[in-house]
Amino acid sequence: MNKLPYFITGGAVILAALFAILNRFWTGFVYFVLASLLVLSLFWGVWLIYKYFTDFKEELKDRFVLYKANKVNTTNTTTDMITANEAAYEKQFNKSVLKDKIIKWFIILFCFSVAAMFLIGMILY
């Protein structure tokens, strides 16, 4: 499953290149180029959403454990204090990783906006 995006990306790029070359013989192949790139960008958008809700959420849980350990090591707090106020520390942690979450969602939004542009290109061509 780790290599699935590479295979799909490679296949879609090869198909788009093949259809772009065949465009010399029939101009209708431009729709196949745009459609293959549309499918590619939709795939990446869905794939990144899937990875966000599976791997990134698990990564955030691991990072929260490291965040708590860092708080214990750098401040005068104990693990008992952190477990007693875990909701407050989790809120602080969520504020610190908000930038990462926003960047992930902007990348996903970018994939879908590229897909929309390919769709508009197909309509207007």
N, C-alpha and C. Protein backbone atom coordinates (compact mmCIF):
# COMPACT_ATOMS: atom_id res chain seq x y z
N MET A 1 0.82 -1.19 0.00
CA MET A 1 0.00 0.00 0.00
C MET A 1 0.87 1.26 0.00
N ASN A 2 2.12 1.13 0.44
CA ASN A 2 3.00 2.29 0.47
C ASN A 2 3.38 2.76 -0.93
N LYS A 3 3.45 1.84 -1.87
CA LYS A 3 3.89 2.19 -3.22
C LYS A 3 2.74 2.49 -4.16
N LEU A 4 1.51 2.39 -3.69
CA LEU A 4 0.34 2.64 -4.52
C LEU A 4 0.34 4.03 -5.14
N PRO A 5 0.64 5.11 -4.39
CA PRO A 5 0.63 6.43 -5.03
C PRO A 5 1.67 6.57 -6.14
N TYR A 6 2.81 5.91 -5.97
CA TYR A 6 3.85 5.99 -6.99
C TYR A 6 3.42 5.30 -8.28
N PHE A 7 2.77 4.14 -8.15
CA PHE A 7 2.30 3.43 -9.33
C PHE A 7 1.21 4.20 -10.05
N ILE A 8 0.28 4.73 -9.30
CA ILE A 8 -0.82 5.48 -9.93
C ILE A 8 -0.31 6.77 -10.55
N THR A 9 0.59 7.46 -9.87
CA THR A 9 1.16 8.69 -10.42
C THR A 9 1.95 8.40 -11.69
N GLY A 10 2.78 7.37 -11.63
CA GLY A 10 3.56 7.00 -12.81
C GLY A 10 2.68 6.61 -13.98
N GLY A 11 1.66 5.81 -13.70
CA GLY A 11 0.74 5.41 -14.77
C GLY A 11 -0.01 6.58 -15.36
N ALA A 12 -0.48 7.48 -14.52
CA ALA A 12 -1.23 8.64 -15.02
C ALA A 12 -0.33 9.58 -15.82
N VAL A 13 0.90 9.75 -15.38
CA VAL A 13 1.83 10.62 -16.13
C VAL A 13 2.18 9.99 -17.46
N ILE A 14 2.41 8.69 -17.48
CA ILE A 14 2.71 8.01 -18.75
C ILE A 14 1.52 8.10 -19.70
N LEU A 15 0.31 7.88 -19.18
CA LEU A 15 -0.88 8.01 -20.03
C LEU A 15 -1.04 9.43 -20.55
N ALA A 16 -0.83 10.42 -19.70
CA ALA A 16 -0.96 11.82 -20.13
C ALA A 16 0.08 12.14 -21.21
N ALA A 17 1.30 11.65 -21.02
CA ALA A 17 2.34 11.90 -22.02
C ALA A 17 2.01 11.20 -23.34
N LEU A 18 1.51 9.97 -23.26
CA LEU A 18 1.13 9.24 -24.47
C LEU A 18 0.01 9.95 -25.22
N PHE A 19 -1.00 10.38 -24.48
CA PHE A 19 -2.10 11.10 -25.12
C PHE A 19 -1.66 12.46 -25.66
N ALA A 20 -0.70 13.09 -24.99
CA ALA A 20 -0.19 14.37 -25.49
C ALA A 20 0.56 14.16 -26.81
N ILE A 21 1.27 13.06 -26.92
CA ILE A 21 1.96 12.75 -28.17
C ILE A 21 0.95 12.42 -29.27
N LEU A 22 -0.08 11.66 -28.91
CA LEU A 22 -1.10 11.30 -29.89
C LEU A 22 -1.99 12.47 -30.28
N ASN A 23 -1.89 13.57 -29.55
CA ASN A 23 -2.68 14.76 -29.85
C ASN A 23 -2.35 15.31 -31.24
N ARG A 24 -1.17 14.99 -31.76
CA ARG A 24 -0.79 15.46 -33.10
C ARG A 24 -1.70 14.85 -34.17
N PHE A 25 -2.16 13.64 -33.92
CA PHE A 25 -2.95 12.92 -34.92
C PHE A 25 -4.45 13.21 -34.82
N TRP A 26 -4.90 13.46 -33.60
CA TRP A 26 -6.31 13.77 -33.39
C TRP A 26 -6.41 14.69 -32.18
N THR A 27 -7.03 15.84 -32.36
CA THR A 27 -7.05 16.84 -31.28
C THR A 27 -7.94 16.43 -30.12
N GLY A 28 -8.73 15.40 -30.30
CA GLY A 28 -9.60 14.92 -29.22
C GLY A 28 -8.82 14.28 -28.08
N PHE A 29 -7.56 13.92 -28.33
CA PHE A 29 -6.76 13.32 -27.26
C PHE A 29 -6.44 14.30 -26.14
N VAL A 30 -6.65 15.59 -26.39
CA VAL A 30 -6.41 16.56 -25.32
C VAL A 30 -7.37 16.31 -24.16
N TYR A 31 -8.56 15.82 -24.43
CA TYR A 31 -9.50 15.49 -23.37
C TYR A 31 -9.00 14.32 -22.53
N PHE A 32 -8.34 13.37 -23.18
CA PHE A 32 -7.78 12.25 -22.43
C PHE A 32 -6.63 12.70 -21.55
N VAL A 33 -5.84 13.65 -22.04
CA VAL A 33 -4.75 14.20 -21.22
C VAL A 33 -5.34 14.89 -20.00
N LEU A 34 -6.31 15.74 -20.23
CA LEU A 34 -6.92 16.48 -19.12
C LEU A 34 -7.64 15.53 -18.15
N ALA A 35 -8.28 14.51 -18.69
CA ALA A 35 -8.99 13.56 -17.83
C ALA A 35 -8.02 12.75 -16.98
N SER A 36 -6.91 12.33 -17.56
CA SER A 36 -5.95 11.56 -16.77
C SER A 36 -5.31 12.43 -15.68
N LEU A 37 -5.05 13.68 -15.98
CA LEU A 37 -4.51 14.58 -14.96
C LEU A 37 -5.56 14.95 -13.91
N LEU A 38 -6.82 15.00 -14.33
CA LEU A 38 -7.91 15.23 -13.38
C LEU A 38 -8.02 14.06 -12.40
N VAL A 39 -7.98 12.85 -12.92
CA VAL A 39 -8.04 11.67 -12.07
C VAL A 39 -6.83 11.62 -11.13
N LEU A 40 -5.67 12.00 -11.64
CA LEU A 40 -4.46 12.01 -10.82
C LEU A 40 -4.58 12.99 -9.66
N SER A 41 -5.05 14.19 -9.94
CA SER A 41 -5.16 15.18 -8.86
C SER A 41 -6.27 14.81 -7.87
N LEU A 42 -7.36 14.22 -8.36
CA LEU A 42 -8.40 13.73 -7.44
C LEU A 42 -7.87 12.60 -6.57
N PHE A 43 -7.10 11.71 -7.17
CA PHE A 43 -6.50 10.63 -6.39
C PHE A 43 -5.63 11.18 -5.27
N TRP A 44 -4.79 12.15 -5.61
CA TRP A 44 -3.89 12.70 -4.58
C TRP A 44 -4.67 13.41 -3.49
N GLY A 45 -5.74 14.09 -3.84
CA GLY A 45 -6.56 14.73 -2.82
C GLY A 45 -7.18 13.73 -1.87
N VAL A 46 -7.74 12.65 -2.43
CA VAL A 46 -8.35 11.61 -1.60
C VAL A 46 -7.28 10.87 -0.80
N TRP A 47 -6.13 10.61 -1.42
CA TRP A 47 -5.05 9.90 -0.74
C TRP A 47 -4.53 10.72 0.45
N LEU A 48 -4.38 12.01 0.27
CA LEU A 48 -3.90 12.86 1.36
C LEU A 48 -4.92 12.96 2.48
N ILE A 49 -6.20 12.95 2.16
CA ILE A 49 -7.23 12.93 3.20
C ILE A 49 -7.15 11.62 3.98
N TYR A 50 -7.00 10.52 3.26
CA TYR A 50 -6.87 9.22 3.91
C TYR A 50 -5.65 9.19 4.83
N LYS A 51 -4.53 9.69 4.34
CA LYS A 51 -3.31 9.71 5.15
C LYS A 51 -3.45 10.65 6.34
N TYR A 52 -4.19 11.72 6.18
CA TYR A 52 -4.39 12.66 7.29
C TYR A 52 -5.14 11.98 8.43
N PHE A 53 -6.20 11.27 8.10
CA PHE A 53 -7.02 10.67 9.14
C PHE A 53 -6.44 9.38 9.69
N THR A 54 -5.46 8.80 9.04
CA THR A 54 -4.86 7.58 9.57
C THR A 54 -3.47 7.88 10.15
N ASP A 55 -2.52 8.14 9.30
CA ASP A 55 -1.13 8.29 9.74
C ASP A 55 -0.88 9.58 10.51
N PHE A 56 -1.42 10.68 10.04
CA PHE A 56 -1.13 11.96 10.68
C PHE A 56 -1.73 12.02 12.08
N LYS A 57 -2.92 11.47 12.27
CA LYS A 57 -3.52 11.44 13.60
C LYS A 57 -2.68 10.60 14.56
N GLU A 58 -2.16 9.47 14.08
CA GLU A 58 -1.28 8.64 14.91
C GLU A 58 0.02 9.37 15.22
N GLU A 59 0.54 10.09 14.23
CA GLU A 59 1.76 10.87 14.44
C GLU A 59 1.53 11.95 15.49
N LEU A 60 0.37 12.57 15.47
CA LEU A 60 0.07 13.59 16.47
C LEU A 60 -0.02 12.99 17.87
N LYS A 61 -0.54 11.78 17.98
CA LYS A 61 -0.58 11.12 19.29
C LYS A 61 0.84 10.86 19.81
N ASP A 62 1.71 10.41 18.91
CA ASP A 62 3.10 10.18 19.31
C ASP A 62 3.80 11.49 19.67
N ARG A 63 3.52 12.52 18.89
CA ARG A 63 4.13 13.83 19.19
C ARG A 63 3.62 14.41 20.51
N PHE A 64 2.38 14.09 20.88
CA PHE A 64 1.84 14.57 22.15
C PHE A 64 2.58 13.91 23.32
N VAL A 65 2.92 12.65 23.17
CA VAL A 65 3.70 11.97 24.21
C VAL A 65 5.06 12.63 24.35
N LEU A 66 5.69 12.95 23.23
CA LEU A 66 6.98 13.65 23.27
C LEU A 66 6.83 15.05 23.84
N TYR A 67 5.71 15.70 23.53
CA TYR A 67 5.45 17.04 24.06
C TYR A 67 5.35 17.00 25.58
N LYS A 68 4.64 15.99 26.10
CA LYS A 68 4.52 15.87 27.56
C LYS A 68 5.89 15.59 28.18
N ALA A 69 6.67 14.73 27.56
CA ALA A 69 8.01 14.43 28.08
C ALA A 69 8.89 15.67 28.05
N ASN A 70 8.76 16.46 27.01
CA ASN A 70 9.54 17.70 26.91
C ASN A 70 9.12 18.69 27.99
N LYS A 71 7.83 18.76 28.27
CA LYS A 71 7.35 19.64 29.34
C LYS A 71 7.91 19.23 30.70
N VAL A 72 7.96 17.93 30.93
CA VAL A 72 8.50 17.45 32.21
C VAL A 72 9.99 17.76 32.31
N ASN A 73 10.71 17.61 31.21
CA ASN A 73 12.15 17.81 31.23
C ASN A 73 12.55 19.29 31.27
N THR A 74 11.78 20.16 30.66
CA THR A 74 12.20 21.56 30.57
C THR A 74 11.57 22.47 31.61
N THR A 75 10.48 22.07 32.21
CA THR A 75 9.84 22.93 33.21
C THR A 75 9.82 22.20 34.55
N ASN A 76 9.28 22.84 35.55
CA ASN A 76 9.21 22.26 36.89
C ASN A 76 7.91 21.50 37.11
N THR A 77 7.40 20.88 36.08
CA THR A 77 6.17 20.10 36.22
C THR A 77 6.51 18.62 36.37
N THR A 78 5.63 17.92 37.00
CA THR A 78 5.81 16.48 37.16
C THR A 78 4.79 15.75 36.29
N THR A 79 4.97 14.47 36.16
CA THR A 79 4.03 13.69 35.36
C THR A 79 2.66 13.65 36.02
N ASP A 80 2.62 13.72 37.35
CA ASP A 80 1.33 13.76 38.05
C ASP A 80 0.56 15.03 37.72
N MET A 81 1.29 16.15 37.63
CA MET A 81 0.65 17.42 37.29
C MET A 81 0.11 17.37 35.86
N ILE A 82 0.87 16.75 34.99
CA ILE A 82 0.46 16.68 33.59
C ILE A 82 -0.76 15.76 33.44
N THR A 83 -0.77 14.63 34.11
CA THR A 83 -1.92 13.73 33.99
C THR A 83 -3.16 14.34 34.64
N ALA A 84 -2.96 15.16 35.67
CA ALA A 84 -4.11 15.81 36.30
C ALA A 84 -4.71 16.89 35.40
N ASN A 85 -3.86 17.56 34.65
CA ASN A 85 -4.31 18.65 33.76
C ASN A 85 -4.07 18.29 32.30
N GLU A 86 -4.32 17.05 31.94
CA GLU A 86 -4.01 16.60 30.58
C GLU A 86 -4.82 17.34 29.52
N ALA A 87 -6.03 17.71 29.83
CA ALA A 87 -6.85 18.43 28.85
C ALA A 87 -6.24 19.79 28.52
N ALA A 88 -5.72 20.47 29.53
CA ALA A 88 -5.09 21.77 29.30
C ALA A 88 -3.81 21.62 28.47
N TYR A 89 -3.03 20.60 28.78
CA TYR A 89 -1.80 20.38 28.02
C TYR A 89 -2.11 19.94 26.59
N GLU A 90 -3.18 19.18 26.42
CA GLU A 90 -3.57 18.78 25.08
C GLU A 90 -4.05 19.99 24.27
N LYS A 91 -4.69 20.91 24.93
CA LYS A 91 -5.13 22.14 24.26
C LYS A 91 -3.93 22.97 23.83
N GLN A 92 -2.92 23.07 24.70
CA GLN A 92 -1.69 23.79 24.34
C GLN A 92 -0.99 23.10 23.17
N PHE A 93 -0.96 21.78 23.21
CA PHE A 93 -0.32 21.03 22.13
C PHE A 93 -1.06 21.24 20.81
N ASN A 94 -2.38 21.22 20.86
CA ASN A 94 -3.17 21.44 19.64
C ASN A 94 -2.93 22.83 19.06
N LYS A 95 -2.71 23.81 19.92
CA LYS A 95 -2.38 25.15 19.42
C LYS A 95 -1.01 25.15 18.75
N SER A 96 -0.09 24.36 19.28
CA SER A 96 1.26 24.35 18.70
C SER A 96 1.31 23.60 17.37
N VAL A 97 0.41 22.64 17.14
CA VAL A 97 0.43 21.89 15.88
C VAL A 97 -0.63 22.38 14.90
N LEU A 98 -1.30 23.45 15.21
CA LEU A 98 -2.33 23.99 14.33
C LEU A 98 -1.74 24.37 12.97
N LYS A 99 -0.53 24.89 12.98
CA LYS A 99 0.12 25.27 11.72
C LYS A 99 0.30 24.05 10.82
N ASP A 100 0.73 22.93 11.39
CA ASP A 100 0.91 21.71 10.61
C ASP A 100 -0.41 21.22 10.02
N LYS A 101 -1.47 21.29 10.82
CA LYS A 101 -2.78 20.86 10.34
C LYS A 101 -3.27 21.74 9.21
N ILE A 102 -3.08 23.05 9.35
CA ILE A 102 -3.52 23.98 8.31
C ILE A 102 -2.76 23.75 7.02
N ILE A 103 -1.47 23.51 7.13
CA ILE A 103 -0.67 23.25 5.94
C ILE A 103 -1.13 21.98 5.24
N LYS A 104 -1.42 20.93 6.01
CA LYS A 104 -1.91 19.68 5.42
C LYS A 104 -3.22 19.92 4.66
N TRP A 105 -4.14 20.68 5.27
CA TRP A 105 -5.43 20.93 4.62
C TRP A 105 -5.29 21.84 3.40
N PHE A 106 -4.32 22.76 3.41
CA PHE A 106 -4.10 23.59 2.23
C PHE A 106 -3.52 22.77 1.09
N ILE A 107 -2.70 21.78 1.39
CA ILE A 107 -2.18 20.90 0.35
C ILE A 107 -3.32 20.09 -0.27
N ILE A 108 -4.22 19.60 0.58
CA ILE A 108 -5.38 18.86 0.08
C ILE A 108 -6.27 19.77 -0.77
N LEU A 109 -6.50 20.98 -0.29
CA LEU A 109 -7.29 21.95 -1.05
C LEU A 109 -6.64 22.28 -2.39
N PHE A 110 -5.31 22.35 -2.41
CA PHE A 110 -4.59 22.61 -3.65
C PHE A 110 -4.82 21.48 -4.65
N CYS A 111 -4.80 20.24 -4.19
CA CYS A 111 -5.04 19.10 -5.09
C CYS A 111 -6.42 19.19 -5.73
N PHE A 112 -7.42 19.50 -4.91
CA PHE A 112 -8.77 19.59 -5.46
C PHE A 112 -8.96 20.83 -6.35
N SER A 113 -8.24 21.91 -6.07
CA SER A 113 -8.34 23.08 -6.94
C SER A 113 -7.67 22.81 -8.29
N VAL A 114 -6.59 22.05 -8.29
CA VAL A 114 -5.96 21.65 -9.56
C VAL A 114 -6.92 20.76 -10.34
N ALA A 115 -7.61 19.86 -9.64
CA ALA A 115 -8.59 19.01 -10.31
C ALA A 115 -9.71 19.86 -10.91
N ALA A 116 -10.14 20.87 -10.19
CA ALA A 116 -11.18 21.76 -10.71
C ALA A 116 -10.69 22.50 -11.94
N MET A 117 -9.43 22.89 -11.95
CA MET A 117 -8.89 23.58 -13.12
C MET A 117 -8.83 22.67 -14.33
N PHE A 118 -8.47 21.41 -14.12
CA PHE A 118 -8.48 20.46 -15.25
C PHE A 118 -9.90 20.25 -15.76
N LEU A 119 -10.86 20.20 -14.86
CA LEU A 119 -12.25 20.04 -15.27
C LEU A 119 -12.73 21.27 -16.05
N ILE A 120 -12.38 22.46 -15.58
CA ILE A 120 -12.74 23.68 -16.31
C ILE A 120 -12.05 23.72 -17.67
N GLY A 121 -10.80 23.24 -17.70
CA GLY A 121 -10.10 23.16 -18.98
C GLY A 121 -10.78 22.23 -19.96
N MET A 122 -11.31 21.13 -19.43
CA MET A 122 -12.04 20.20 -20.31
C MET A 122 -13.33 20.83 -20.83
N ILE A 123 -14.00 21.58 -19.99
CA ILE A 123 -15.27 22.21 -20.38
C ILE A 123 -15.04 23.31 -21.41
N LEU A 124 -14.02 24.12 -21.15
CA LEU A 124 -13.81 25.29 -22.02
C LEU A 124 -13.02 24.97 -23.29
N TYR A 125 -12.39 23.82 -23.41
CA TYR A 125 -11.61 23.52 -24.60
C TYR A 125 -12.47 23.18 -25.74
